[in-house]
N, C-alpha and C. Protein backbone atom coordinates (compact mmCIF):
# COMPACT_ATOMS: atom_id res chain seq x y z
N MET A 1 221.75 162.92 68.30
CA MET A 1 221.02 162.53 69.48
C MET A 1 219.62 162.07 69.31
N ARG A 2 219.15 161.11 70.09
CA ARG A 2 217.92 160.60 69.61
C ARG A 2 216.79 161.55 70.25
N SER A 3 215.58 161.61 69.70
CA SER A 3 214.49 162.35 70.01
C SER A 3 214.02 161.85 71.44
N ARG A 4 213.54 162.79 72.29
CA ARG A 4 213.19 162.26 73.61
C ARG A 4 211.86 163.24 73.98
N ARG A 5 210.80 162.35 74.39
CA ARG A 5 209.57 163.02 74.74
C ARG A 5 209.85 163.86 75.87
N LEU A 6 209.33 165.06 76.08
CA LEU A 6 209.42 165.82 77.25
C LEU A 6 208.76 165.09 78.38
N SER A 7 209.46 165.04 79.65
CA SER A 7 208.82 164.56 80.82
C SER A 7 208.00 165.44 81.70
N ARG A 8 207.28 164.87 82.55
CA ARG A 8 206.40 165.68 83.42
C ARG A 8 207.25 166.85 84.29
N LYS A 9 208.46 166.45 84.60
CA LYS A 9 209.50 167.47 85.21
C LYS A 9 209.65 168.69 84.42
N PHE A 10 209.74 168.40 83.11
CA PHE A 10 209.85 169.66 82.28
C PHE A 10 208.79 170.70 82.38
N TYR A 11 207.51 170.11 82.32
CA TYR A 11 206.37 171.02 82.32
C TYR A 11 206.15 171.63 83.83
N GLN A 12 206.68 171.05 84.81
CA GLN A 12 206.52 171.54 86.20
C GLN A 12 207.41 172.54 86.65
N GLN A 13 208.20 173.03 85.72
CA GLN A 13 209.18 174.20 86.10
C GLN A 13 208.43 175.43 85.94
N SER A 14 208.93 176.60 86.46
CA SER A 14 208.49 177.86 86.18
C SER A 14 207.87 177.98 84.85
N THR A 15 206.59 178.74 84.75
CA THR A 15 205.91 178.80 83.50
C THR A 15 206.73 179.61 82.47
N LEU A 16 207.41 180.68 83.07
CA LEU A 16 208.21 181.66 82.02
C LEU A 16 209.39 180.82 81.51
N LYS A 17 209.88 179.98 82.29
CA LYS A 17 211.02 179.10 81.86
C LYS A 17 210.61 178.09 80.81
N VAL A 18 209.48 177.46 80.97
CA VAL A 18 208.86 176.48 80.07
C VAL A 18 208.73 177.31 78.68
N ALA A 19 207.97 178.35 78.99
CA ALA A 19 207.64 179.22 77.64
C ALA A 19 208.86 179.37 76.73
N ARG A 20 209.96 179.72 77.56
CA ARG A 20 211.27 179.99 76.75
C ARG A 20 211.89 178.68 76.25
N GLU A 21 211.91 177.73 77.06
CA GLU A 21 212.67 176.45 76.78
C GLU A 21 211.79 175.66 75.68
N LEU A 22 210.49 175.91 75.50
CA LEU A 22 209.82 175.15 74.50
C LEU A 22 210.25 175.52 73.01
N LEU A 23 210.88 176.75 73.02
CA LEU A 23 211.44 177.04 71.65
C LEU A 23 212.48 176.21 71.11
N GLY A 24 212.29 175.65 69.97
CA GLY A 24 213.30 174.65 69.41
C GLY A 24 212.88 173.40 69.90
N LYS A 25 211.83 173.06 70.41
CA LYS A 25 211.20 171.78 70.69
C LYS A 25 210.34 171.41 69.58
N TYR A 26 210.08 170.10 69.37
CA TYR A 26 209.29 169.68 68.31
C TYR A 26 207.73 169.17 68.74
N LEU A 27 206.68 169.74 68.16
CA LEU A 27 205.44 169.33 68.49
C LEU A 27 205.01 168.23 67.56
N VAL A 28 204.81 167.06 68.03
CA VAL A 28 204.39 165.94 67.24
C VAL A 28 203.02 165.45 67.21
N ARG A 29 202.28 165.28 66.28
CA ARG A 29 200.81 164.87 66.07
C ARG A 29 200.74 163.75 65.30
N LYS A 30 200.25 162.56 65.81
CA LYS A 30 200.17 161.32 65.02
C LYS A 30 198.61 161.27 64.51
N VAL A 31 198.58 161.24 63.31
CA VAL A 31 197.17 160.99 62.63
C VAL A 31 197.19 159.86 61.76
N GLY A 32 196.65 158.76 62.30
CA GLY A 32 196.67 157.46 61.54
C GLY A 32 198.10 156.83 61.78
N SER A 33 198.79 156.61 60.47
CA SER A 33 200.13 156.29 60.43
C SER A 33 201.00 157.36 60.07
N LYS A 34 200.52 158.54 59.94
CA LYS A 34 201.30 159.69 59.57
C LYS A 34 201.56 160.63 60.70
N LYS A 35 202.86 161.31 60.73
CA LYS A 35 203.11 162.28 61.86
C LYS A 35 203.18 163.55 61.12
N LEU A 36 202.51 164.56 62.00
CA LEU A 36 202.68 165.98 61.44
C LEU A 36 203.65 166.57 62.56
N VAL A 37 204.61 167.20 62.14
CA VAL A 37 205.78 167.73 63.05
C VAL A 37 206.07 169.09 62.76
N GLY A 38 206.26 169.94 63.80
CA GLY A 38 206.66 171.30 63.65
C GLY A 38 207.56 171.78 64.83
N LYS A 39 208.56 172.57 64.46
CA LYS A 39 209.43 173.15 65.59
C LYS A 39 208.65 174.24 66.20
N ILE A 40 208.62 174.44 67.42
CA ILE A 40 208.01 175.64 68.26
C ILE A 40 208.70 176.79 68.09
N ILE A 41 208.23 177.90 67.54
CA ILE A 41 209.04 179.10 67.31
C ILE A 41 208.39 180.24 68.00
N GLU A 42 207.19 180.10 68.66
CA GLU A 42 206.55 181.23 69.52
C GLU A 42 205.65 180.68 70.53
N THR A 43 205.77 181.27 71.64
CA THR A 43 204.95 180.99 72.79
C THR A 43 204.65 182.21 73.61
N GLU A 44 203.66 182.07 74.45
CA GLU A 44 203.07 183.09 75.35
C GLU A 44 202.75 182.33 76.71
N ALA A 45 203.27 183.02 77.78
CA ALA A 45 203.04 182.63 79.09
C ALA A 45 201.73 183.24 79.90
N TYR A 46 200.97 182.54 80.72
CA TYR A 46 200.04 182.95 81.48
C TYR A 46 200.03 182.40 82.80
N ILE A 47 200.12 183.37 83.78
CA ILE A 47 200.64 183.04 85.12
C ILE A 47 199.31 183.07 86.14
N GLY A 48 198.44 182.22 85.88
CA GLY A 48 197.23 182.05 86.89
C GLY A 48 196.48 183.19 87.61
N PRO A 49 196.08 183.01 88.85
CA PRO A 49 195.11 183.88 89.51
C PRO A 49 195.52 185.25 89.60
N LYS A 50 196.71 185.72 89.47
CA LYS A 50 197.12 187.11 89.67
C LYS A 50 197.28 187.83 88.32
N ASP A 51 197.34 187.07 87.17
CA ASP A 51 197.43 187.48 85.86
C ASP A 51 196.10 187.74 85.29
N LYS A 52 195.75 189.14 84.98
CA LYS A 52 194.46 189.45 84.64
C LYS A 52 194.21 188.95 83.13
N ALA A 53 195.26 188.60 82.35
CA ALA A 53 194.94 188.01 81.08
C ALA A 53 194.54 186.39 81.03
N SER A 54 194.72 185.89 82.28
CA SER A 54 194.55 184.40 82.44
C SER A 54 193.17 184.03 82.71
N HIS A 55 192.79 182.90 81.98
CA HIS A 55 191.49 182.32 82.38
C HIS A 55 191.16 181.89 83.67
N ALA A 56 192.33 181.71 84.57
CA ALA A 56 192.21 181.43 85.88
C ALA A 56 192.41 182.59 86.86
N TYR A 57 192.23 183.79 86.32
CA TYR A 57 192.28 185.07 87.08
C TYR A 57 191.44 185.04 88.24
N ARG A 58 191.97 185.52 89.38
CA ARG A 58 191.28 185.51 90.73
C ARG A 58 190.99 184.03 91.15
N GLY A 59 191.52 182.92 90.70
CA GLY A 59 191.26 181.55 91.13
C GLY A 59 190.00 181.04 90.54
N LYS A 60 189.35 181.65 89.43
CA LYS A 60 188.15 181.06 88.99
C LYS A 60 188.30 179.88 88.37
N ILE A 61 187.42 178.94 88.71
CA ILE A 61 187.31 177.53 87.99
C ILE A 61 186.09 177.39 87.21
N THR A 62 186.23 177.08 86.11
CA THR A 62 185.06 176.90 85.20
C THR A 62 185.14 175.51 84.53
N PRO A 63 183.98 174.99 83.92
CA PRO A 63 184.23 173.80 82.86
C PRO A 63 185.25 174.03 81.82
N ARG A 64 185.48 175.28 81.41
CA ARG A 64 186.43 175.48 80.29
C ARG A 64 187.91 175.32 80.84
N ASN A 65 188.12 176.00 81.87
CA ASN A 65 189.51 176.09 82.49
C ASN A 65 190.03 175.03 83.48
N ARG A 66 189.09 174.14 83.80
CA ARG A 66 189.27 173.27 84.77
C ARG A 66 190.73 172.33 84.71
N VAL A 67 191.05 172.04 83.55
CA VAL A 67 192.24 171.34 83.25
C VAL A 67 193.44 172.17 83.67
N GLU A 68 193.46 173.43 83.63
CA GLU A 68 194.48 174.36 83.97
C GLU A 68 195.03 174.05 85.42
N TYR A 69 194.13 173.50 86.31
CA TYR A 69 194.47 173.16 87.77
C TYR A 69 195.07 171.83 87.91
N ARG A 70 195.21 171.08 86.92
CA ARG A 70 195.97 169.79 86.80
C ARG A 70 197.41 170.03 86.79
N GLU A 71 198.25 168.96 87.01
CA GLU A 71 199.69 169.06 87.00
C GLU A 71 200.26 169.31 85.61
N GLY A 72 201.28 169.93 85.54
CA GLY A 72 201.96 170.44 84.08
C GLY A 72 202.01 169.05 83.17
N GLY A 73 201.72 169.52 81.87
CA GLY A 73 201.89 168.51 80.86
C GLY A 73 200.63 168.03 80.27
N HIS A 74 199.49 168.64 80.67
CA HIS A 74 198.24 168.34 80.07
C HIS A 74 197.89 169.41 79.00
N VAL A 75 197.01 169.11 78.10
CA VAL A 75 196.67 170.07 76.98
C VAL A 75 195.32 170.80 77.58
N TYR A 76 195.31 172.10 77.43
CA TYR A 76 194.31 172.99 77.65
C TYR A 76 194.02 173.64 76.34
N ILE A 77 192.89 173.21 75.64
CA ILE A 77 192.42 173.71 74.29
C ILE A 77 190.99 174.19 74.47
N TYR A 78 190.83 175.31 73.77
CA TYR A 78 189.57 176.03 73.86
C TYR A 78 189.36 176.71 72.46
N LEU A 79 188.24 176.98 72.21
CA LEU A 79 187.67 177.69 71.04
C LEU A 79 187.54 179.30 71.22
N VAL A 80 188.03 179.96 70.22
CA VAL A 80 187.82 181.56 70.34
C VAL A 80 187.06 181.95 69.09
N TYR A 81 186.27 183.05 69.36
CA TYR A 81 185.47 183.63 68.28
C TYR A 81 184.67 182.41 67.60
N GLY A 82 184.38 181.36 68.25
CA GLY A 82 183.52 180.30 67.74
C GLY A 82 184.04 179.51 66.46
N MET A 83 185.41 179.81 66.36
CA MET A 83 186.03 179.08 65.20
C MET A 83 187.53 178.78 65.27
N TYR A 84 188.09 179.22 65.96
CA TYR A 84 189.69 178.99 66.10
C TYR A 84 189.97 178.19 67.49
N TRP A 85 190.63 177.05 67.40
CA TRP A 85 191.14 176.36 68.54
C TRP A 85 192.57 177.00 68.90
N GLN A 86 192.83 176.98 70.16
CA GLN A 86 193.96 177.49 70.83
C GLN A 86 194.54 176.41 71.63
N LEU A 87 195.90 176.02 71.41
CA LEU A 87 196.47 174.99 72.05
C LEU A 87 197.53 175.60 73.06
N ASN A 88 197.21 175.23 74.33
CA ASN A 88 197.93 175.53 75.57
C ASN A 88 198.41 174.37 76.31
N ILE A 89 199.53 174.43 76.90
CA ILE A 89 200.21 173.38 77.62
C ILE A 89 200.11 173.81 79.12
N VAL A 90 199.42 173.02 79.93
CA VAL A 90 199.53 173.26 81.47
C VAL A 90 200.84 173.16 81.96
N THR A 91 201.21 174.17 82.88
CA THR A 91 202.52 174.17 83.47
C THR A 91 202.45 174.07 84.93
N SER A 92 203.42 174.01 85.65
CA SER A 92 203.61 174.10 87.16
C SER A 92 203.02 172.79 87.69
N ARG A 93 202.72 172.97 89.12
CA ARG A 93 202.15 171.82 89.78
C ARG A 93 200.80 171.93 89.75
N ALA A 94 200.01 170.81 90.26
CA ALA A 94 198.52 170.67 90.30
C ALA A 94 198.11 171.71 91.57
N GLY A 95 196.91 172.40 91.01
CA GLY A 95 196.37 173.40 91.82
C GLY A 95 196.88 174.75 91.59
N LYS A 96 198.00 174.91 90.74
CA LYS A 96 198.46 176.14 90.36
C LYS A 96 198.25 176.47 88.96
N PRO A 97 197.20 177.01 88.49
CA PRO A 97 196.65 177.11 87.08
C PRO A 97 197.46 178.17 86.23
N GLU A 98 198.55 177.49 85.65
CA GLU A 98 199.33 178.35 84.75
C GLU A 98 199.48 177.61 83.39
N CYS A 99 199.61 178.30 82.30
CA CYS A 99 199.92 177.50 80.96
C CYS A 99 200.59 178.32 79.97
N VAL A 100 201.00 177.60 79.03
CA VAL A 100 201.72 178.44 77.77
C VAL A 100 200.95 178.24 76.61
N LEU A 101 200.67 179.25 75.90
CA LEU A 101 199.98 179.22 74.61
C LEU A 101 200.91 178.93 73.52
N ILE A 102 200.84 177.87 72.77
CA ILE A 102 201.71 177.64 71.55
C ILE A 102 201.14 178.42 70.24
N ARG A 103 202.07 179.39 69.90
CA ARG A 103 201.49 180.34 68.91
C ARG A 103 201.97 180.13 67.57
N ALA A 104 203.09 179.32 67.40
CA ALA A 104 203.60 179.24 66.06
C ALA A 104 204.69 178.03 65.97
N LEU A 105 204.50 177.48 64.74
CA LEU A 105 205.44 176.33 64.45
C LEU A 105 206.23 176.64 63.02
N GLU A 106 207.40 176.16 63.02
CA GLU A 106 208.14 176.05 61.77
C GLU A 106 208.01 174.65 61.24
N VAL A 107 207.31 174.46 60.06
CA VAL A 107 207.10 173.04 59.46
C VAL A 107 207.91 173.02 58.19
N PRO A 108 209.02 171.88 58.39
CA PRO A 108 209.86 171.71 57.28
C PRO A 108 209.06 171.35 56.03
N GLY A 109 209.56 171.99 54.90
CA GLY A 109 208.81 171.59 53.62
C GLY A 109 207.46 172.22 53.40
N GLU A 110 206.87 173.09 54.34
CA GLU A 110 205.70 173.76 54.16
C GLU A 110 205.76 175.20 54.14
N ASP A 111 204.84 175.85 53.57
CA ASP A 111 204.82 177.26 53.56
C ASP A 111 205.00 177.75 54.91
N ARG A 112 205.70 178.99 55.09
CA ARG A 112 206.03 179.35 56.57
C ARG A 112 204.83 179.77 57.32
N ASN A 113 203.70 180.05 56.66
CA ASN A 113 202.39 180.44 57.37
C ASN A 113 201.52 179.39 57.65
N VAL A 114 201.96 178.12 57.31
CA VAL A 114 200.97 177.07 57.51
C VAL A 114 200.57 176.85 58.92
N ALA A 115 201.41 177.15 59.97
CA ALA A 115 201.15 177.00 61.42
C ALA A 115 201.60 178.15 62.19
N SER A 116 201.50 179.41 61.39
CA SER A 116 201.84 180.62 62.26
C SER A 116 200.69 181.27 62.69
N GLY A 117 200.47 181.45 64.00
CA GLY A 117 199.22 181.83 64.70
C GLY A 117 198.55 180.61 65.20
N PRO A 118 197.93 180.81 66.43
CA PRO A 118 197.34 179.66 67.16
C PRO A 118 196.22 178.97 66.40
N GLY A 119 195.38 179.67 65.74
CA GLY A 119 194.32 178.92 64.88
C GLY A 119 194.77 178.24 63.72
N ARG A 120 195.74 178.67 63.06
CA ARG A 120 196.36 177.97 61.88
C ARG A 120 197.17 176.78 62.37
N LEU A 121 197.85 176.90 63.50
CA LEU A 121 198.56 175.81 64.14
C LEU A 121 197.57 174.61 64.42
N CYS A 122 196.56 175.00 65.01
CA CYS A 122 195.46 173.82 65.49
C CYS A 122 194.86 173.23 64.25
N ARG A 123 194.70 174.14 63.16
CA ARG A 123 194.10 173.65 61.89
C ARG A 123 195.05 172.68 61.35
N TYR A 124 196.27 172.94 61.27
CA TYR A 124 197.47 172.20 60.48
C TYR A 124 197.53 170.73 61.36
N LEU A 125 197.53 170.85 62.67
CA LEU A 125 197.68 169.79 63.49
C LEU A 125 196.39 168.95 63.53
N GLN A 126 195.32 169.37 63.11
CA GLN A 126 194.06 168.78 63.11
C GLN A 126 193.68 168.63 64.67
N LEU A 127 193.63 169.78 65.47
CA LEU A 127 193.18 169.73 66.80
C LEU A 127 191.90 170.11 67.16
N ASP A 128 191.19 169.56 68.03
CA ASP A 128 189.89 170.10 68.38
C ASP A 128 189.74 169.77 69.93
N LYS A 129 188.42 169.85 70.22
CA LYS A 129 188.06 169.65 71.69
C LYS A 129 188.41 168.32 72.27
N SER A 130 188.62 167.30 71.42
CA SER A 130 188.75 165.88 71.79
C SER A 130 190.17 165.80 72.62
N PHE A 131 191.09 166.90 72.35
CA PHE A 131 192.32 166.95 72.96
C PHE A 131 192.32 167.57 74.32
N TYR A 132 191.25 168.06 74.72
CA TYR A 132 191.28 168.65 76.15
C TYR A 132 191.66 167.75 77.18
N GLY A 133 192.66 168.13 77.91
CA GLY A 133 193.04 167.07 79.14
C GLY A 133 194.07 166.16 78.60
N GLU A 134 194.32 166.10 77.41
CA GLU A 134 195.38 164.94 76.91
C GLU A 134 196.68 165.03 77.74
N ASP A 135 197.25 164.14 78.08
CA ASP A 135 198.49 164.11 78.91
C ASP A 135 199.68 163.99 77.80
N LEU A 136 200.32 165.00 77.65
CA LEU A 136 201.56 165.00 76.57
C LEU A 136 202.70 164.01 77.03
N THR A 137 202.65 163.69 78.22
CA THR A 137 203.67 162.65 78.71
C THR A 137 203.44 161.19 78.38
N ARG A 138 202.09 160.92 78.01
CA ARG A 138 201.57 159.57 77.69
C ARG A 138 201.02 159.45 76.51
N SER A 139 200.29 160.52 75.83
CA SER A 139 199.51 160.42 74.78
C SER A 139 200.17 159.72 73.47
N LYS A 140 199.31 158.89 72.82
CA LYS A 140 199.80 158.30 71.63
C LYS A 140 199.55 159.12 70.34
N ARG A 141 198.85 160.28 70.52
CA ARG A 141 198.48 161.11 69.40
C ARG A 141 199.01 162.49 69.47
N ILE A 142 199.56 162.94 70.46
CA ILE A 142 200.22 164.25 70.53
C ILE A 142 201.30 164.32 71.62
N TRP A 143 202.40 164.84 71.41
CA TRP A 143 203.38 165.01 72.52
C TRP A 143 204.58 166.03 71.93
N ILE A 144 205.48 166.36 72.73
CA ILE A 144 206.53 167.37 72.51
C ILE A 144 207.82 166.54 72.68
N GLU A 145 208.75 166.76 71.71
CA GLU A 145 210.03 166.20 71.77
C GLU A 145 211.19 167.12 71.85
N ASP A 146 212.23 166.69 72.57
CA ASP A 146 213.48 167.32 72.68
C ASP A 146 214.37 166.60 71.53
N ARG A 147 214.76 167.33 70.49
CA ARG A 147 215.63 166.65 69.41
C ARG A 147 217.04 167.02 69.61
N GLY A 148 217.45 167.69 70.72
CA GLY A 148 218.78 168.10 70.99
C GLY A 148 219.27 169.51 70.53
N GLU A 149 218.20 170.25 70.28
CA GLU A 149 218.38 171.57 69.83
C GLU A 149 218.22 172.64 70.78
N THR A 150 218.87 173.64 70.86
CA THR A 150 218.68 174.74 71.90
C THR A 150 218.70 176.08 71.03
N VAL A 151 217.90 176.92 71.47
CA VAL A 151 217.82 178.32 70.80
C VAL A 151 218.58 179.29 71.86
N SER A 152 219.57 179.83 71.49
CA SER A 152 220.47 180.68 72.42
C SER A 152 219.53 181.97 72.79
N PRO A 153 219.78 182.55 73.91
CA PRO A 153 219.09 183.68 74.61
C PRO A 153 219.10 184.80 73.52
N ALA A 154 220.23 185.04 72.77
CA ALA A 154 220.45 186.03 71.87
C ALA A 154 219.51 185.99 70.70
N HIS A 155 218.98 184.83 70.34
CA HIS A 155 218.09 184.69 69.35
C HIS A 155 216.77 184.59 69.74
N ILE A 156 216.35 184.82 70.95
CA ILE A 156 214.94 184.87 71.36
C ILE A 156 214.49 186.23 71.66
N GLU A 157 213.48 186.79 71.10
CA GLU A 157 212.71 188.05 71.20
C GLU A 157 211.51 187.93 72.25
N ARG A 158 211.66 188.85 73.17
CA ARG A 158 210.47 189.03 74.10
C ARG A 158 209.66 190.15 73.72
N THR A 159 208.36 189.96 73.84
CA THR A 159 207.43 191.09 73.47
C THR A 159 206.17 190.92 74.40
N PRO A 160 205.26 192.02 74.53
CA PRO A 160 204.09 191.84 75.11
C PRO A 160 203.19 190.81 74.38
N ARG A 161 202.31 190.16 75.29
CA ARG A 161 201.39 189.14 74.66
C ARG A 161 200.41 189.88 73.63
N ILE A 162 199.82 189.07 72.92
CA ILE A 162 198.88 189.62 71.74
C ILE A 162 197.43 189.54 72.04
N GLY A 163 196.72 190.58 71.78
CA GLY A 163 195.27 190.56 71.94
C GLY A 163 194.69 190.55 73.35
N ILE A 164 195.32 191.14 74.34
CA ILE A 164 194.89 191.15 75.78
C ILE A 164 194.78 192.44 76.19
N ASP A 165 194.40 193.39 75.46
CA ASP A 165 194.35 194.92 76.04
C ASP A 165 193.23 194.89 77.14
N TYR A 166 192.30 194.01 77.07
CA TYR A 166 191.27 193.90 78.20
C TYR A 166 191.87 193.80 79.63
N ALA A 167 193.07 193.28 79.66
CA ALA A 167 193.83 192.92 81.03
C ALA A 167 194.44 194.25 81.59
N GLY A 168 194.40 195.40 80.90
CA GLY A 168 194.91 196.60 81.44
C GLY A 168 196.30 196.84 81.11
N PRO A 169 196.76 198.02 81.27
CA PRO A 169 198.27 198.27 80.83
C PRO A 169 199.29 197.54 81.46
N TYR A 170 199.18 197.20 82.97
CA TYR A 170 200.30 196.67 83.43
C TYR A 170 200.28 195.12 82.95
N TRP A 171 199.32 194.30 82.76
CA TRP A 171 199.38 193.01 82.45
C TRP A 171 199.50 192.94 80.92
N SER A 172 198.90 193.63 80.21
CA SER A 172 198.98 193.56 78.71
C SER A 172 200.55 194.06 78.06
N GLN A 173 201.25 194.62 79.12
CA GLN A 173 202.57 195.01 78.56
C GLN A 173 203.70 194.14 79.10
N LYS A 174 203.35 193.22 79.87
CA LYS A 174 204.19 192.12 80.41
C LYS A 174 205.04 191.41 79.12
N LYS A 175 206.22 191.42 79.05
CA LYS A 175 206.88 190.71 78.02
C LYS A 175 206.89 189.20 78.20
N TRP A 176 205.70 188.56 77.94
CA TRP A 176 205.68 187.12 78.30
C TRP A 176 205.40 186.32 76.87
N ARG A 177 205.61 186.97 75.87
CA ARG A 177 205.54 186.28 74.47
C ARG A 177 207.08 186.12 74.24
N PHE A 178 207.33 184.81 73.79
CA PHE A 178 208.72 184.49 73.40
C PHE A 178 208.61 184.07 71.95
N LEU A 179 209.68 184.49 71.08
CA LEU A 179 209.63 183.97 69.77
C LEU A 179 211.10 184.04 69.30
N VAL A 180 211.45 183.05 68.32
CA VAL A 180 212.65 183.03 67.72
C VAL A 180 212.76 184.17 66.69
N LYS A 181 213.82 184.93 66.85
CA LYS A 181 213.91 186.10 66.02
C LYS A 181 213.85 185.54 64.48
N PRO A 182 212.78 186.09 63.66
CA PRO A 182 212.79 185.52 62.24
C PRO A 182 213.99 185.63 61.45
N GLU A 183 214.67 186.77 61.32
CA GLU A 183 215.82 186.64 60.64
C GLU A 183 216.84 185.72 60.86
N LYS A 184 216.90 185.12 62.16
CA LYS A 184 217.81 184.05 62.54
C LYS A 184 217.20 182.73 62.48
N ASN A 185 215.97 182.56 62.02
CA ASN A 185 215.29 181.46 62.25
C ASN A 185 216.14 180.14 61.66
N LYS A 186 216.83 180.25 60.60
CA LYS A 186 217.46 179.14 59.96
C LYS A 186 218.72 178.82 60.48
N MET A 187 219.28 179.82 61.29
CA MET A 187 220.75 179.68 61.80
C MET A 187 220.86 179.68 63.37
N GLN A 188 219.75 179.83 64.14
CA GLN A 188 219.87 180.08 65.47
C GLN A 188 220.11 178.80 66.29
N VAL A 189 219.72 177.57 65.74
CA VAL A 189 219.80 176.40 66.47
C VAL A 189 221.26 175.72 66.51
N LYS A 190 221.53 175.32 67.71
CA LYS A 190 222.79 174.60 67.75
C LYS A 190 222.52 173.24 68.64
N ARG A 191 223.36 172.25 68.12
CA ARG A 191 223.04 170.96 68.78
C ARG A 191 223.72 170.89 70.05
N LYS A 192 222.89 170.28 71.04
CA LYS A 192 223.59 170.08 72.37
C LYS A 192 224.73 168.91 72.17
N ALA A 193 225.62 169.01 73.15
CA ALA A 193 226.74 167.94 73.21
C ALA A 193 225.97 166.81 73.62
N ASN A 194 226.30 165.55 73.35
CA ASN A 194 225.77 164.35 73.90
C ASN A 194 226.14 164.00 75.16
């Protein structure tokens, strides 16, 4: 099956569904004539104004989170600790600020830790503030592809999100982190029928 860039419709689904269905998709970053590619194996969902862990909690709009209010399929990238970029994908419809953090990639032929963790992932893909607001459905330098692979629910682990204790016990314990079970990582993928 040919690779297919994900459409706007994909990103406008429910954020939890997008977070799950991004597993097994391929993040492609074009740098000059070279492509850096990795399979998405870990994500986290953030559900807008009601989610105390979200940058849009209580409907707050700031220069940093403004892109979250756009339609699904745009890049929301920001710096943490003054040194690590975090790649998020805006989801849902315009005016509904939700997103999915891309936490880890599996990169063929590379050390398994090269893109494990949001900071390393952004370093590997050479991402920075210039990608803020980039439209993944049209960009010539970054996009996500469906290559005909799916990860079965049996091979997806759900856990609480990482590093959000400040959001309180209710929100910090939501199982909105999705990852491909490590021991199955090489065997969990099956090809879709054409």
